[in-house]
Amino acid sequence: MSDESVILINLLKVKPGKQDALIALLKLNTDTVVRTLEGWKTTRLIAANDGTGVVIYSEWETPAAVEAMRSDPRMKAYFPEILELASLDSIIGSAVFGETR
């Protein structure tokens, strides 16, 4: 198995006027649940300048860690609140190219 992180990207399309509320909820979720989960490495929230979306970029040790996060009861408790504010699409992958200056 590779030493590369598993990358989870969540793209949330925010309901009008709800981006700040969504970011606050996602920060709370990250601080109280995500950071406590086995296999979690990092999370970044990226807000659209026009207020229409948020991207959650997170790195995990294994695909199994992502699945365990998704099935954790504490995570599941957040899903209805998140879906009240935005729609959600996800992809799981690995980095295939990166360049830094």
C-alpha atoms as a PDB file:
ATOM      1  CA  MET A   1       0.000   0.000   0.000  1.00  0.00           C
ATOM      2  CA  SER A   2       1.199   3.505  -0.783  1.00  0.00           C
ATOM      3  CA  ASP A   3       2.083   6.085   1.855  1.00  0.00           C
ATOM      4  CA  GLU A   4      -0.102   8.599   0.005  1.00  0.00           C
ATOM      5  CA  SER A   5      -3.104  10.105   1.744  1.00  0.00           C
ATOM      6  CA  VAL A   6      -6.639   9.353   0.679  1.00  0.00           C
ATOM      7  CA  ILE A   7      -8.236  12.643  -0.349  1.00  0.00           C
ATOM      8  CA  LEU A   8     -11.914  13.322   0.238  1.00  0.00           C
ATOM      9  CA  ILE A   9     -13.443  16.298  -1.546  1.00  0.00           C
ATOM     10  CA  ASN A  10     -16.945  17.425  -0.597  1.00  0.00           C
ATOM     11  CA  LEU A  11     -18.567  20.104  -2.738  1.00  0.00           C
ATOM     12  CA  LEU A  12     -21.473  21.812  -1.024  1.00  0.00           C
ATOM     13  CA  LYS A  13     -23.803  24.042  -3.039  1.00  0.00           C
ATOM     14  CA  VAL A  14     -25.124  26.505  -0.499  1.00  0.00           C
ATOM     15  CA  LYS A  15     -28.685  27.775  -0.282  1.00  0.00           C
ATOM     16  CA  PRO A  16     -28.828  31.582  -0.709  1.00  0.00           C
ATOM     17  CA  GLY A  17     -27.560  33.458   2.332  1.00  0.00           C
ATOM     18  CA  LYS A  18     -26.521  30.308   4.190  1.00  0.00           C
ATOM     19  CA  GLN A  19     -22.759  30.100   3.535  1.00  0.00           C
ATOM     20  CA  ASP A  20     -21.676  31.626   6.870  1.00  0.00           C
ATOM     21  CA  ALA A  21     -24.005  29.333   8.817  1.00  0.00           C
ATOM     22  CA  LEU A  22     -22.697  26.324   6.901  1.00  0.00           C
ATOM     23  CA  ILE A  23     -19.062  27.256   7.554  1.00  0.00           C
ATOM     24  CA  ALA A  24     -19.773  27.680  11.281  1.00  0.00           C
ATOM     25  CA  LEU A  25     -21.441  24.247  11.375  1.00  0.00           C
ATOM     26  CA  LEU A  26     -18.591  22.611   9.455  1.00  0.00           C
ATOM     27  CA  LYS A  27     -15.981  24.175  11.754  1.00  0.00           C
ATOM     28  CA  LEU A  28     -17.866  22.910  14.797  1.00  0.00           C
ATOM     29  CA  ASN A  29     -18.129  19.428  13.269  1.00  0.00           C
ATOM     30  CA  THR A  30     -14.422  19.372  12.443  1.00  0.00           C
ATOM     31  CA  ASP A  31     -13.410  20.561  15.921  1.00  0.00           C
ATOM     32  CA  THR A  32     -15.702  18.247  17.873  1.00  0.00           C
ATOM     33  CA  VAL A  33     -15.924  15.095  15.733  1.00  0.00           C
ATOM     34  CA  VAL A  34     -13.667  14.846  12.676  1.00  0.00           C
ATOM     35  CA  ARG A  35     -10.392  15.630  14.442  1.00  0.00           C
ATOM     36  CA  THR A  36     -11.107  12.822  16.967  1.00  0.00           C
ATOM     37  CA  LEU A  37     -11.524  10.109  14.329  1.00  0.00           C
ATOM     38  CA  GLU A  38      -8.936   7.448  13.615  1.00  0.00           C
ATOM     39  CA  GLY A  39      -7.122   8.009  10.334  1.00  0.00           C
ATOM     40  CA  TRP A  40      -7.895  11.736   9.977  1.00  0.00           C
ATOM     41  CA  LYS A  41      -4.956  13.887   8.875  1.00  0.00           C
ATOM     42  CA  THR A  42      -6.171  17.349   7.817  1.00  0.00           C
ATOM     43  CA  THR A  43      -9.217  19.362   6.769  1.00  0.00           C
ATOM     44  CA  ARG A  44      -9.530  22.657   4.904  1.00  0.00           C
ATOM     45  CA  LEU A  45     -12.708  24.596   4.219  1.00  0.00           C
ATOM     46  CA  ILE A  46     -12.682  26.673   1.039  1.00  0.00           C
ATOM     47  CA  ALA A  47     -15.471  29.251   0.673  1.00  0.00           C
ATOM     48  CA  ALA A  48     -16.666  30.547  -2.692  1.00  0.00           C
ATOM     49  CA  ASN A  49     -16.208  34.293  -2.938  1.00  0.00           C
ATOM     50  CA  ASP A  50     -19.748  34.677  -4.268  1.00  0.00           C
ATOM     51  CA  GLY A  51     -21.319  32.844  -1.308  1.00  0.00           C
ATOM     52  CA  THR A  52     -22.648  29.908  -3.350  1.00  0.00           C
ATOM     53  CA  GLY A  53     -20.516  27.057  -2.133  1.00  0.00           C
ATOM     54  CA  VAL A  54     -17.998  25.492   0.192  1.00  0.00           C
ATOM     55  CA  VAL A  55     -15.422  22.840  -0.591  1.00  0.00           C
ATOM     56  CA  ILE A  56     -14.220  20.538   2.165  1.00  0.00           C
ATOM     57  CA  TYR A  57     -10.776  19.164   1.398  1.00  0.00           C
ATOM     58  CA  SER A  58      -9.663  16.463   3.806  1.00  0.00           C
ATOM     59  CA  GLU A  59      -6.930  13.870   3.922  1.00  0.00           C
ATOM     60  CA  TRP A  60      -7.259  10.462   5.545  1.00  0.00           C
ATOM     61  CA  GLU A  61      -4.892   7.568   6.050  1.00  0.00           C
ATOM     62  CA  THR A  62      -7.041   4.935   4.289  1.00  0.00           C
ATOM     63  CA  PRO A  63     -10.343   4.517   2.428  1.00  0.00           C
ATOM     64  CA  ALA A  64     -11.548   2.525   5.453  1.00  0.00           C
ATOM     65  CA  ALA A  65     -10.990   5.605   7.646  1.00  0.00           C
ATOM     66  CA  VAL A  66     -13.262   7.629   5.337  1.00  0.00           C
ATOM     67  CA  GLU A  67     -15.959   4.951   5.508  1.00  0.00           C
ATOM     68  CA  ALA A  68     -15.653   4.749   9.304  1.00  0.00           C
ATOM     69  CA  MET A  69     -16.069   8.544   9.501  1.00  0.00           C
ATOM     70  CA  ARG A  70     -19.183   8.420   7.342  1.00  0.00           C
ATOM     71  CA  SER A  71     -20.757   5.738   9.515  1.00  0.00           C
ATOM     72  CA  ASP A  72     -19.822   7.301  12.859  1.00  0.00           C
ATOM     73  CA  PRO A  73     -23.042   8.198  14.733  1.00  0.00           C
ATOM     74  CA  ARG A  74     -21.656  11.622  15.680  1.00  0.00           C
ATOM     75  CA  MET A  75     -21.044  12.414  12.005  1.00  0.00           C
ATOM     76  CA  LYS A  76     -24.438  11.099  10.974  1.00  0.00           C
ATOM     77  CA  ALA A  77     -26.020  13.482  13.489  1.00  0.00           C
ATOM     78  CA  TYR A  78     -24.581  16.436  11.523  1.00  0.00           C
ATOM     79  CA  PHE A  79     -25.788  15.321   8.076  1.00  0.00           C
ATOM     80  CA  PRO A  80     -29.414  16.549   8.393  1.00  0.00           C
ATOM     81  CA  GLU A  81     -28.228  19.979   9.599  1.00  0.00           C
ATOM     82  CA  ILE A  82     -25.748  20.239   6.735  1.00  0.00           C
ATOM     83  CA  LEU A  83     -28.369  19.224   4.174  1.00  0.00           C
ATOM     84  CA  GLU A  84     -30.699  21.953   5.486  1.00  0.00           C
ATOM     85  CA  LEU A  85     -28.087  24.483   4.317  1.00  0.00           C
ATOM     86  CA  ALA A  86     -26.621  22.889   1.183  1.00  0.00           C
ATOM     87  CA  SER A  87     -26.583  20.004  -1.273  1.00  0.00           C
ATOM     88  CA  LEU A  88     -23.572  17.696  -1.204  1.00  0.00           C
ATOM     89  CA  ASP A  89     -21.423  15.831  -3.739  1.00  0.00           C
ATOM     90  CA  SER A  90     -18.302  13.850  -2.795  1.00  0.00           C
ATOM     91  CA  ILE A  91     -15.325  12.193  -4.438  1.00  0.00           C
ATOM     92  CA  ILE A  92     -12.592  10.054  -2.926  1.00  0.00           C
ATOM     93  CA  GLY A  93      -9.262   9.872  -4.684  1.00  0.00           C
ATOM     94  CA  SER A  94      -5.530  10.315  -4.464  1.00  0.00           C
ATOM     95  CA  ALA A  95      -3.189  12.994  -5.723  1.00  0.00           C
ATOM     96  CA  VAL A  96      -1.891  12.234  -9.208  1.00  0.00           C
ATOM     97  CA  PHE A  97      -0.138  15.537  -9.839  1.00  0.00           C
ATOM     98  CA  GLY A  98       0.925  18.486  -7.758  1.00  0.00           C
ATOM     99  CA  GLU A  99       3.180  21.438  -8.307  1.00  0.00           C
ATOM    100  CA  THR A 100       4.408  24.020  -5.853  1.00  0.00           C
ATOM    101  CA  ARG A 101       6.344  27.179  -6.415  1.00  0.00           C
END
